[in-house]
């Protein structure tokens, strides 16, 4: 009937505990006072709004705020991005670019015309960066 590893008395004991756990009363287990959540919320909202310290703090914050003219302000300069963080800490060392013009030509086994174009090669193989605080200006 039962597998040999499960004791039938253990199943009876677990069933009795389960039934006993479901028979408790919520109000007996978690008693509450005469106030409901709306009363508690209103009491805290009134005490916070009537506090003179909070009112003084709010007035001080309002006096420090300045209106921003968004139409003339470039918000991109105030945004921190990975690129601006790298360029502000690690300055790029000079690496002149070699601009090369490729003339129009035919390419491939079936001669396909390729229009002329310009491409840029860095003079040095790798881009080098200065350490933070290292001088990057001309001497």
C-alpha atoms as a PDB file:
ATOM      1  CA  UNK A   1       0.000   0.000   0.000  1.00  0.00           C
ATOM      2  CA  UNK A   2       2.443   2.670   1.181  1.00  0.00           C
ATOM      3  CA  UNK A   3       6.083   2.701   0.141  1.00  0.00           C
ATOM      4  CA  UNK A   4       8.283   1.399   2.902  1.00  0.00           C
ATOM      5  CA  UNK A   5      10.014   4.803   3.331  1.00  0.00           C
ATOM      6  CA  UNK A   6       6.775   6.678   4.318  1.00  0.00           C
ATOM      7  CA  UNK A   7       5.417   5.964   7.761  1.00  0.00           C
ATOM      8  CA  UNK A   8       1.576   6.053   7.812  1.00  0.00           C
ATOM      9  CA  UNK A   9       1.622   7.646  11.291  1.00  0.00           C
ATOM     10  CA  UNK A  10       3.693  10.483   9.885  1.00  0.00           C
ATOM     11  CA  UNK A  11       1.003  11.157   7.275  1.00  0.00           C
ATOM     12  CA  UNK A  12      -1.704  11.175   9.950  1.00  0.00           C
ATOM     13  CA  UNK A  13       0.324  13.598  12.095  1.00  0.00           C
ATOM     14  CA  UNK A  14       0.919  15.962   9.166  1.00  0.00           C
ATOM     15  CA  UNK A  15      -2.779  15.881   8.276  1.00  0.00           C
ATOM     16  CA  UNK A  16      -3.765  16.757  11.849  1.00  0.00           C
ATOM     17  CA  UNK A  17      -1.295  19.681  11.906  1.00  0.00           C
ATOM     18  CA  UNK A  18      -2.662  20.946   8.597  1.00  0.00           C
ATOM     19  CA  UNK A  19      -6.257  20.838   9.854  1.00  0.00           C
ATOM     20  CA  UNK A  20      -5.285  22.521  13.136  1.00  0.00           C
ATOM     21  CA  UNK A  21      -3.459  25.281  11.278  1.00  0.00           C
ATOM     22  CA  UNK A  22      -6.495  26.092   9.170  1.00  0.00           C
ATOM     23  CA  UNK A  23      -8.798  26.293  12.193  1.00  0.00           C
ATOM     24  CA  UNK A  24      -7.216  29.442  13.711  1.00  0.00           C
ATOM     25  CA  UNK A  25      -9.087  32.727  13.646  1.00  0.00           C
ATOM     26  CA  UNK A  26      -7.563  35.688  11.766  1.00  0.00           C
ATOM     27  CA  UNK A  27      -8.662  38.247  14.349  1.00  0.00           C
ATOM     28  CA  UNK A  28      -7.255  36.137  17.167  1.00  0.00           C
ATOM     29  CA  UNK A  29      -3.955  35.641  15.341  1.00  0.00           C
ATOM     30  CA  UNK A  30      -3.611  39.236  14.060  1.00  0.00           C
ATOM     31  CA  UNK A  31      -5.588  41.600  16.333  1.00  0.00           C
ATOM     32  CA  UNK A  32      -6.045  45.191  15.165  1.00  0.00           C
ATOM     33  CA  UNK A  33      -7.056  48.405  16.842  1.00  0.00           C
ATOM     34  CA  UNK A  34     -10.070  50.621  16.199  1.00  0.00           C
ATOM     35  CA  UNK A  35      -8.337  52.502  13.308  1.00  0.00           C
ATOM     36  CA  UNK A  36      -8.369  51.396   9.712  1.00  0.00           C
ATOM     37  CA  UNK A  37      -5.701  52.252   7.104  1.00  0.00           C
ATOM     38  CA  UNK A  38      -7.504  55.377   5.869  1.00  0.00           C
ATOM     39  CA  UNK A  39      -7.522  56.833   9.400  1.00  0.00           C
ATOM     40  CA  UNK A  40      -3.807  56.089   9.862  1.00  0.00           C
ATOM     41  CA  UNK A  41      -2.984  57.617   6.470  1.00  0.00           C
ATOM     42  CA  UNK A  42      -4.978  60.786   7.155  1.00  0.00           C
ATOM     43  CA  UNK A  43      -3.408  61.210  10.614  1.00  0.00           C
ATOM     44  CA  UNK A  44       0.116  60.968   9.205  1.00  0.00           C
ATOM     45  CA  UNK A  45      -0.676  63.281   6.294  1.00  0.00           C
ATOM     46  CA  UNK A  46      -2.090  65.934   8.649  1.00  0.00           C
ATOM     47  CA  UNK A  47       0.868  65.753  11.038  1.00  0.00           C
ATOM     48  CA  UNK A  48       3.362  66.014   8.156  1.00  0.00           C
ATOM     49  CA  UNK A  49       1.624  68.967   6.560  1.00  0.00           C
ATOM     50  CA  UNK A  50       1.317  70.855   9.866  1.00  0.00           C
ATOM     51  CA  UNK A  51       4.957  70.407  10.830  1.00  0.00           C
ATOM     52  CA  UNK A  52       6.740  73.771  10.901  1.00  0.00           C
ATOM     53  CA  UNK A  53      10.127  72.191  10.265  1.00  0.00           C
ATOM     54  CA  UNK A  54       8.855  70.533   7.101  1.00  0.00           C
ATOM     55  CA  UNK A  55       7.295  73.807   5.982  1.00  0.00           C
ATOM     56  CA  UNK A  56      10.544  75.742   6.531  1.00  0.00           C
ATOM     57  CA  UNK A  57      12.489  73.087   4.673  1.00  0.00           C
ATOM     58  CA  UNK A  58      10.051  73.244   1.771  1.00  0.00           C
ATOM     59  CA  UNK A  59      10.318  77.058   1.628  1.00  0.00           C
ATOM     60  CA  UNK A  60      14.115  76.876   1.622  1.00  0.00           C
ATOM     61  CA  UNK A  61      14.095  74.386  -1.238  1.00  0.00           C
ATOM     62  CA  UNK A  62      11.691  76.506  -3.284  1.00  0.00           C
ATOM     63  CA  UNK A  63      13.863  79.614  -2.834  1.00  0.00           C
ATOM     64  CA  UNK A  64      16.966  77.732  -4.059  1.00  0.00           C
ATOM     65  CA  UNK A  65      15.331  76.427  -7.201  1.00  0.00           C
ATOM     66  CA  UNK A  66      16.041  78.354 -10.381  1.00  0.00           C
ATOM     67  CA  UNK A  67      14.019  78.023 -13.554  1.00  0.00           C
ATOM     68  CA  UNK A  68      15.894  76.418 -16.435  1.00  0.00           C
ATOM     69  CA  UNK A  69      15.491  77.796 -19.908  1.00  0.00           C
ATOM     70  CA  UNK A  70      15.372  74.511 -21.788  1.00  0.00           C
ATOM     71  CA  UNK A  71      15.118  76.150 -25.194  1.00  0.00           C
ATOM     72  CA  UNK A  72      18.656  77.633 -25.010  1.00  0.00           C
ATOM     73  CA  UNK A  73      20.178  74.881 -22.877  1.00  0.00           C
ATOM     74  CA  UNK A  74      21.955  71.944 -24.495  1.00  0.00           C
ATOM     75  CA  UNK A  75      20.964  69.056 -22.247  1.00  0.00           C
ATOM     76  CA  UNK A  76      23.353  66.646 -23.979  1.00  0.00           C
ATOM     77  CA  UNK A  77      26.319  68.390 -22.347  1.00  0.00           C
ATOM     78  CA  UNK A  78      24.950  67.572 -18.892  1.00  0.00           C
ATOM     79  CA  UNK A  79      24.354  63.909 -19.612  1.00  0.00           C
ATOM     80  CA  UNK A  80      26.991  61.449 -18.435  1.00  0.00           C
ATOM     81  CA  UNK A  81      27.677  58.741 -20.957  1.00  0.00           C
ATOM     82  CA  UNK A  82      30.378  56.114 -21.195  1.00  0.00           C
ATOM     83  CA  UNK A  83      32.004  58.056 -24.004  1.00  0.00           C
ATOM     84  CA  UNK A  84      32.199  61.359 -22.098  1.00  0.00           C
ATOM     85  CA  UNK A  85      33.527  59.599 -19.005  1.00  0.00           C
ATOM     86  CA  UNK A  86      36.301  57.888 -20.968  1.00  0.00           C
ATOM     87  CA  UNK A  87      37.272  61.030 -22.879  1.00  0.00           C
ATOM     88  CA  UNK A  88      37.292  63.155 -19.712  1.00  0.00           C
ATOM     89  CA  UNK A  89      39.528  60.756 -17.766  1.00  0.00           C
ATOM     90  CA  UNK A  90      41.666  59.201 -20.485  1.00  0.00           C
ATOM     91  CA  UNK A  91      42.737  61.740 -23.087  1.00  0.00           C
ATOM     92  CA  UNK A  92      43.497  60.356 -26.512  1.00  0.00           C
ATOM     93  CA  UNK A  93      47.114  60.786 -27.547  1.00  0.00           C
ATOM     94  CA  UNK A  94      47.781  62.311 -30.968  1.00  0.00           C
ATOM     95  CA  UNK A  95      47.613  59.785 -33.788  1.00  0.00           C
ATOM     96  CA  UNK A  96      47.527  61.543 -37.154  1.00  0.00           C
ATOM     97  CA  UNK A  97      45.148  60.163 -39.724  1.00  0.00           C
ATOM     98  CA  UNK A  98      46.218  59.334 -43.240  1.00  0.00           C
ATOM     99  CA  UNK A  99      43.417  60.116 -45.689  1.00  0.00           C
ATOM    100  CA  UNK A 100      43.692  58.068 -48.848  1.00  0.00           C
ATOM    101  CA  UNK A 101      41.597  58.357 -51.985  1.00  0.00           C
ATOM    102  CA  UNK A 102      40.829  55.136 -53.848  1.00  0.00           C
ATOM    103  CA  UNK A 103      40.243  55.810 -57.543  1.00  0.00           C
ATOM    104  CA  UNK A 104      37.304  54.221 -59.375  1.00  0.00           C
ATOM    105  CA  UNK A 105      38.251  50.717 -60.466  1.00  0.00           C
ATOM    106  CA  UNK A 106      36.984  47.281 -61.474  1.00  0.00           C
ATOM    107  CA  UNK A 107      37.053  44.536 -58.830  1.00  0.00           C
ATOM    108  CA  UNK A 108      36.388  40.788 -58.628  1.00  0.00           C
ATOM    109  CA  UNK A 109      36.548  37.921 -61.095  1.00  0.00           C
ATOM    110  CA  UNK A 110      33.632  39.453 -62.968  1.00  0.00           C
ATOM    111  CA  UNK A 111      34.798  43.016 -63.368  1.00  0.00           C
ATOM    112  CA  UNK A 112      32.391  45.045 -61.259  1.00  0.00           C
ATOM    113  CA  UNK A 113      32.837  48.826 -61.252  1.00  0.00           C
ATOM    114  CA  UNK A 114      33.597  50.305 -57.828  1.00  0.00           C
ATOM    115  CA  UNK A 115      33.183  54.078 -57.497  1.00  0.00           C
ATOM    116  CA  UNK A 116      35.966  56.171 -56.021  1.00  0.00           C
ATOM    117  CA  UNK A 117      35.934  56.745 -52.280  1.00  0.00           C
ATOM    118  CA  UNK A 118      38.062  58.105 -49.450  1.00  0.00           C
ATOM    119  CA  UNK A 119      39.179  56.139 -46.426  1.00  0.00           C
ATOM    120  CA  UNK A 120      41.144  56.986 -43.296  1.00  0.00           C
ATOM    121  CA  UNK A 121      44.027  55.017 -41.828  1.00  0.00           C
ATOM    122  CA  UNK A 122      45.554  55.874 -38.459  1.00  0.00           C
ATOM    123  CA  UNK A 123      49.265  56.605 -38.676  1.00  0.00           C
ATOM    124  CA  UNK A 124      50.059  54.344 -35.744  1.00  0.00           C
ATOM    125  CA  UNK A 125      48.700  50.820 -35.462  1.00  0.00           C
ATOM    126  CA  UNK A 126      46.799  51.345 -32.191  1.00  0.00           C
ATOM    127  CA  UNK A 127      45.062  54.263 -30.537  1.00  0.00           C
ATOM    128  CA  UNK A 128      46.932  55.196 -27.361  1.00  0.00           C
ATOM    129  CA  UNK A 129      45.371  56.886 -24.327  1.00  0.00           C
ATOM    130  CA  UNK A 130      47.048  58.981 -21.656  1.00  0.00           C
ATOM    131  CA  UNK A 131      46.723  57.998 -18.022  1.00  0.00           C
ATOM    132  CA  UNK A 132      44.622  60.282 -15.786  1.00  0.00           C
ATOM    133  CA  UNK A 133      46.714  63.340 -14.945  1.00  0.00           C
ATOM    134  CA  UNK A 134      49.297  62.690 -17.667  1.00  0.00           C
ATOM    135  CA  UNK A 135      50.212  65.717 -19.721  1.00  0.00           C
ATOM    136  CA  UNK A 136      48.759  65.643 -23.232  1.00  0.00           C
ATOM    137  CA  UNK A 137      49.522  69.184 -24.437  1.00  0.00           C
ATOM    138  CA  UNK A 138      52.358  70.024 -26.807  1.00  0.00           C
ATOM    139  CA  UNK A 139      55.662  70.743 -25.036  1.00  0.00           C
END
